[in-house]
């Protein structure tokens, strides 16, 4: 018995729900598909068709509750003990997506993550930064993810047992910025919850423009800095905060902040260009982190 849970906001999720329903019906399993829209200002009308799919429900929330709370609400609402979460802007690339997850289930299973891929074709010029970052830093092969099972976990597609939410859930007290998946994964690690990894990726379709991605990246940096400051994440637990902490201990933060303030505009020109450098992106985020740390 399986609950497939999809939070959405301003996104047409019907094609994804339709593919999931077809796979589940083919397997002849007991299932449900639950899609909650987080009070979009203009919900796509296509999503209403989800209610016509077998065992599927689409509901628009009366108020916006944020990425953490909507996932917790979906888990609480779920009728069954095995849950698959999917982000709205993903698409199945395997006809065996559901069966591969179910075949990986063990008696000790708590969380299983299948991975992510991005399109191989170069996207439009104004979306290249998001695409380049995703391919290099998120679309990791199974052997790479196994080296750091918790830090390689992303919440856009994963299986989880419902009783795990009795031990931990997505933190609803944090600002609705970014890094809720990092915090969730590290909370799992602290609670000795195992994250299995298999080769069962989905494709991430939601490529933002480079300017939007840069803004969201800054939000993610601010969230990470706040989590470290409040003790929710240890500095050594993420690459960026660990490096920033090392720079501070070496008393080099002033120099990095000077570089960031002096060359920020030039770095942004590169990052918004058709050939963005991920090295420049790393320096930019480090400078932003250290600058915000003194604010």
Protein backbone atom coordinates (compact mmCIF):
# COMPACT_ATOMS: atom_id res chain seq x y z
CA UNK A 1 0.00 0.00 0.00
CA UNK A 2 1.50 3.28 -1.16
CA UNK A 3 0.81 7.00 -0.77
CA UNK A 4 2.34 9.24 -3.46
CA UNK A 5 2.53 12.83 -2.20
CA UNK A 6 3.18 15.94 -4.29
CA UNK A 7 3.33 19.52 -3.00
CA UNK A 8 2.90 22.11 -5.71
CA UNK A 9 2.76 25.86 -6.24
CA UNK A 10 1.86 27.51 -9.54
CA UNK A 11 2.83 24.40 -11.51
CA UNK A 12 0.95 22.04 -13.81
CA UNK A 13 1.49 18.70 -12.11
CA UNK A 14 -1.15 16.73 -14.04
CA UNK A 15 1.30 15.07 -16.50
CA UNK A 16 3.36 13.75 -13.57
CA UNK A 17 0.30 12.54 -11.66
CA UNK A 18 -1.03 10.85 -14.80
CA UNK A 19 2.19 8.87 -15.32
CA UNK A 20 2.29 7.87 -11.66
CA UNK A 21 -1.31 6.66 -11.74
CA UNK A 22 -0.63 4.61 -14.87
CA UNK A 23 2.41 2.93 -13.30
CA UNK A 24 0.61 2.20 -10.04
CA UNK A 25 -2.42 0.73 -11.80
CA UNK A 26 -0.18 -1.48 -13.93
CA UNK A 27 1.38 -2.87 -10.75
CA UNK A 28 -2.09 -3.61 -9.35
CA UNK A 29 -1.16 -2.19 -5.95
CA UNK A 30 -3.28 -0.33 -3.42
CA UNK A 31 -2.27 3.31 -3.78
CA UNK A 32 -3.30 6.93 -3.54
CA UNK A 33 -1.96 10.09 -5.13
CA UNK A 34 -2.40 13.25 -3.07
CA UNK A 35 -1.50 16.66 -4.50
CA UNK A 36 -1.73 19.79 -2.34
CA UNK A 37 -1.38 23.23 -3.90
CA UNK A 38 0.12 25.70 -1.41
CA UNK A 39 -2.46 28.42 -2.09
CA UNK A 40 -1.15 29.47 -5.51
CA UNK A 41 -2.48 32.87 -6.64
CA UNK A 42 -3.42 31.35 -10.01
CA UNK A 43 -3.45 27.53 -9.76
CA UNK A 44 -3.14 25.89 -13.18
CA UNK A 45 -6.58 24.71 -14.27
CA UNK A 46 -5.06 21.48 -15.63
CA UNK A 47 -4.47 20.31 -12.06
CA UNK A 48 -8.22 19.90 -11.51
CA UNK A 49 -8.02 16.89 -13.85
CA UNK A 50 -5.99 15.07 -11.18
CA UNK A 51 -9.25 14.40 -9.37
CA UNK A 52 -10.38 12.32 -12.36
CA UNK A 53 -7.39 9.97 -12.08
CA UNK A 54 -7.81 6.69 -10.16
CA UNK A 55 -7.28 7.07 -6.40
CA UNK A 56 -6.04 10.64 -6.85
CA UNK A 57 -6.90 13.83 -4.96
CA UNK A 58 -6.03 17.43 -5.74
CA UNK A 59 -6.65 20.14 -3.13
CA UNK A 60 -5.82 23.84 -2.96
CA UNK A 61 -4.92 24.95 0.56
CA UNK A 62 -6.75 27.98 1.94
CA UNK A 63 -3.51 29.68 2.96
CA UNK A 64 0.15 29.38 2.08
CA UNK A 65 1.99 27.32 4.71
CA UNK A 66 5.45 26.86 3.16
CA UNK A 67 7.60 24.01 1.91
CA UNK A 68 8.19 22.29 5.24
CA UNK A 69 4.64 22.46 6.55
CA UNK A 70 3.02 21.26 3.34
CA UNK A 71 5.19 18.14 3.29
CA UNK A 72 4.33 17.42 6.91
CA UNK A 73 0.64 17.91 6.14
CA UNK A 74 0.84 15.52 3.20
CA UNK A 75 2.51 12.88 5.38
CA UNK A 76 -0.10 13.35 8.10
CA UNK A 77 -2.91 13.07 5.55
CA UNK A 78 -1.48 9.95 3.88
CA UNK A 79 -3.58 6.82 4.29
CA UNK A 80 -0.74 4.33 3.97
CA UNK A 81 2.56 3.57 5.70
CA UNK A 82 4.89 3.80 2.69
CA UNK A 83 5.21 7.27 1.18
CA UNK A 84 6.81 8.57 -1.99
CA UNK A 85 7.36 12.32 -2.14
CA UNK A 86 7.87 14.06 -5.48
CA UNK A 87 8.35 17.71 -6.30
CA UNK A 88 5.91 19.09 -8.85
CA UNK A 89 8.64 20.07 -11.32
CA UNK A 90 9.97 16.55 -11.79
CA UNK A 91 9.17 13.98 -14.46
CA UNK A 92 9.51 10.22 -14.54
CA UNK A 93 12.12 8.88 -16.96
CA UNK A 94 11.61 5.21 -16.13
CA UNK A 95 8.54 3.08 -16.68
CA UNK A 96 9.58 1.21 -13.53
CA UNK A 97 9.94 4.21 -11.21
CA UNK A 98 7.42 2.99 -8.63
CA UNK A 99 8.33 -0.69 -8.90
CA UNK A 100 12.05 0.07 -8.48
CA UNK A 101 11.33 1.85 -5.21
CA UNK A 102 9.07 -0.94 -3.98
CA UNK A 103 11.61 -3.62 -4.92
CA UNK A 104 14.26 -1.76 -2.88
CA UNK A 105 12.12 -1.90 0.25
CA UNK A 106 13.62 -3.88 3.11
CA UNK A 107 12.29 -4.64 6.58
CA UNK A 108 14.67 -1.98 7.93
CA UNK A 109 13.94 0.67 5.28
CA UNK A 110 13.43 4.20 6.57
CA UNK A 111 14.35 6.51 3.65
CA UNK A 112 15.32 5.68 0.06
CA UNK A 113 16.60 8.28 -2.40
CA UNK A 114 16.74 7.51 -6.10
CA UNK A 115 18.62 10.50 -7.50
CA UNK A 116 18.07 13.22 -10.06
CA UNK A 117 19.15 14.00 -13.63
CA UNK A 118 18.96 17.07 -15.82
CA UNK A 119 18.37 17.30 -19.54
CA UNK A 120 21.47 16.64 -21.60
CA UNK A 121 20.70 19.41 -24.10
CA UNK A 122 21.91 22.91 -23.40
CA UNK A 123 18.97 25.00 -22.10
CA UNK A 124 18.20 28.59 -23.15
CA UNK A 125 21.03 30.99 -22.37
CA UNK A 126 19.24 32.60 -19.44
CA UNK A 127 18.84 29.20 -17.68
CA UNK A 128 22.39 27.89 -18.02
CA UNK A 129 23.56 28.65 -14.46
CA UNK A 130 20.82 26.50 -12.88
CA UNK A 131 21.43 23.72 -15.41
CA UNK A 132 25.23 23.76 -14.96
CA UNK A 133 24.95 23.74 -11.17
CA UNK A 134 22.39 20.96 -11.17
CA UNK A 135 24.42 18.74 -13.47
CA UNK A 136 27.65 19.25 -11.53
CA UNK A 137 26.43 19.31 -7.92
CA UNK A 138 23.06 17.56 -7.75
CA UNK A 139 22.91 14.93 -10.51
CA UNK A 140 25.38 12.65 -8.77
CA UNK A 141 25.79 9.01 -9.84
CA UNK A 142 24.94 6.33 -7.31
CA UNK A 143 28.57 5.59 -6.40
CA UNK A 144 29.14 9.25 -5.50
CA UNK A 145 25.94 9.52 -3.46
CA UNK A 146 26.88 6.44 -1.44
CA UNK A 147 29.99 8.22 -0.12
CA UNK A 148 27.88 10.78 1.76
CA UNK A 149 24.39 9.26 1.95
CA UNK A 150 22.80 12.01 4.03
CA UNK A 151 24.37 15.05 2.37
CA UNK A 152 23.64 13.58 -1.09
CA UNK A 153 19.93 13.38 -0.28
CA UNK A 154 17.47 15.78 -1.92
CA UNK A 155 13.77 15.95 -1.17
CA UNK A 156 12.53 16.23 -4.73
CA UNK A 157 12.00 12.43 -5.03
CA UNK A 158 12.27 9.94 -2.20
CA UNK A 159 10.53 7.09 -0.42
CA UNK A 160 10.02 7.24 3.33
CA UNK A 161 8.18 5.16 5.89
CA UNK A 162 5.41 7.04 7.65
CA UNK A 163 6.61 6.05 11.10
CA UNK A 164 9.80 8.03 10.44
CA UNK A 165 7.65 11.15 10.83
CA UNK A 166 6.93 10.08 14.39
CA UNK A 167 10.66 10.49 15.06
CA UNK A 168 11.28 13.57 12.93
CA UNK A 169 9.55 15.79 10.42
CA UNK A 170 10.34 18.83 8.31
CA UNK A 171 11.13 21.78 10.56
CA UNK A 172 8.25 24.28 10.34
CA UNK A 173 9.93 26.83 12.60
CA UNK A 174 12.61 27.79 10.10
CA UNK A 175 12.18 30.69 7.66
CA UNK A 176 10.63 29.67 4.34
CA UNK A 177 13.90 30.25 2.49
CA UNK A 178 15.97 27.22 1.40
CA UNK A 179 17.97 24.32 2.81
CA UNK A 180 15.00 22.63 4.47
CA UNK A 181 16.12 19.44 2.69
CA UNK A 182 19.66 19.79 4.10
CA UNK A 183 18.27 20.27 7.59
CA UNK A 184 15.92 17.30 7.15
CA UNK A 185 18.79 15.06 5.99
CA UNK A 186 21.07 16.10 8.84
CA UNK A 187 18.25 15.59 11.35
CA UNK A 188 17.90 12.07 9.94
CA UNK A 189 21.60 11.52 10.50
CA UNK A 190 21.39 12.77 14.09
CA UNK A 191 18.46 10.42 14.72
CA UNK A 192 20.35 7.45 13.23
CA UNK A 193 17.84 7.18 10.40
CA UNK A 194 19.33 5.36 7.46
CA UNK A 195 19.19 6.84 3.96
CA UNK A 196 19.41 4.13 1.31
CA UNK A 197 20.46 5.11 -2.20
CA UNK A 198 19.38 3.41 -5.42
CA UNK A 199 19.64 4.25 -9.10
CA UNK A 200 16.09 5.47 -9.78
CA UNK A 201 16.35 9.12 -10.82
CA UNK A 202 13.71 11.55 -11.98
CA UNK A 203 14.36 14.48 -14.29
CA UNK A 204 14.25 17.97 -12.83
CA UNK A 205 12.28 20.17 -15.20
CA UNK A 206 12.01 23.36 -13.17
CA UNK A 207 14.93 25.38 -14.51
CA UNK A 208 14.75 28.98 -13.32
CA UNK A 209 16.42 31.84 -15.08
CA UNK A 210 19.96 32.51 -13.91
CA UNK A 211 18.88 35.71 -12.15
CA UNK A 212 16.12 33.91 -10.21
CA UNK A 213 18.47 31.05 -9.32
CA UNK A 214 21.09 33.53 -8.11
CA UNK A 215 18.51 35.20 -5.88
CA UNK A 216 17.36 31.84 -4.51
CA UNK A 217 20.99 30.84 -3.95
CA UNK A 218 21.47 33.96 -1.84
CA UNK A 219 18.36 33.01 0.14
CA UNK A 220 19.83 29.54 0.64
CA UNK A 221 23.09 31.06 1.90
CA UNK A 222 21.17 33.24 4.36
CA UNK A 223 19.22 30.20 5.57
CA UNK A 224 22.40 28.17 6.02
CA UNK A 225 24.08 30.99 7.94
CA UNK A 226 21.04 31.25 10.20
CA UNK A 227 20.92 27.49 10.80
CA UNK A 228 24.61 27.46 11.77
CA UNK A 229 24.15 30.48 14.02
CA UNK A 230 21.16 28.87 15.77
CA UNK A 231 22.91 25.52 16.15
CA UNK A 232 20.57 23.64 13.83
CA UNK A 233 23.51 22.75 11.56
CA UNK A 234 27.14 22.40 12.59
CA UNK A 235 29.55 24.41 10.46
CA UNK A 236 31.47 21.28 9.47
CA UNK A 237 28.33 19.59 8.11
CA UNK A 238 28.12 21.47 4.81
CA UNK A 239 30.86 22.39 2.38
CA UNK A 240 30.11 26.12 2.35
CA UNK A 241 29.78 26.63 6.11
CA UNK A 242 32.81 24.46 6.78
CA UNK A 243 34.97 26.51 4.43
CA UNK A 244 33.62 29.78 5.81
CA UNK A 245 34.41 28.62 9.33
CA UNK A 246 37.97 27.76 8.27
CA UNK A 247 38.39 31.19 6.66
CA UNK A 248 37.21 32.82 9.89
CA UNK A 249 39.58 30.78 12.04
CA UNK A 250 42.49 31.78 9.78
CA UNK A 251 41.44 35.43 10.11
CA UNK A 252 41.05 35.73 6.33
CA UNK A 253 37.37 36.65 6.26
CA UNK A 254 38.10 40.35 5.84
CA UNK A 255 40.01 39.71 2.65
CA UNK A 256 37.28 37.46 1.23
CA UNK A 257 34.64 40.07 2.04
CA UNK A 258 36.76 42.71 0.28
CA UNK A 259 37.00 40.52 -2.82
CA UNK A 260 33.25 39.93 -2.75
CA UNK A 261 32.39 43.62 -2.38
CA UNK A 262 34.96 44.73 -4.95
CA UNK A 263 34.13 42.16 -7.63
CA UNK A 264 30.50 41.28 -6.91
CA UNK A 265 29.17 43.02 -10.00
CA UNK A 266 31.77 41.38 -12.26
CA UNK A 267 31.04 37.99 -10.75
CA UNK A 268 27.33 38.50 -11.36
CA UNK A 269 28.03 39.37 -15.00
CA UNK A 270 29.83 36.04 -15.36
CA UNK A 271 27.14 34.06 -13.53
CA UNK A 272 24.37 35.55 -15.66
CA UNK A 273 26.27 34.94 -18.90
CA UNK A 274 26.12 32.00 -21.32
CA UNK A 275 29.30 30.54 -19.80
CA UNK A 276 28.99 30.80 -16.01
CA UNK A 277 31.87 29.53 -13.89
CA UNK A 278 30.99 27.35 -10.92
CA UNK A 279 34.28 28.41 -9.32
CA UNK A 280 33.09 32.02 -9.50
CA UNK A 281 29.75 30.85 -8.12
CA UNK A 282 31.49 29.25 -5.14
CA UNK A 283 33.55 32.39 -4.44
CA UNK A 284 30.41 34.52 -4.77
CA UNK A 285 28.45 32.39 -2.28
CA UNK A 286 31.37 32.27 0.16
CA UNK A 287 31.69 36.06 0.04
CA UNK A 288 27.96 36.48 0.51
CA UNK A 289 27.98 34.09 3.49
CA UNK A 290 30.85 35.91 5.21
CA UNK A 291 29.37 39.34 4.46
CA UNK A 292 25.99 38.37 5.88
CA UNK A 293 27.71 36.88 8.95
CA UNK A 294 28.81 40.39 9.95
CA UNK A 295 25.44 42.01 9.24
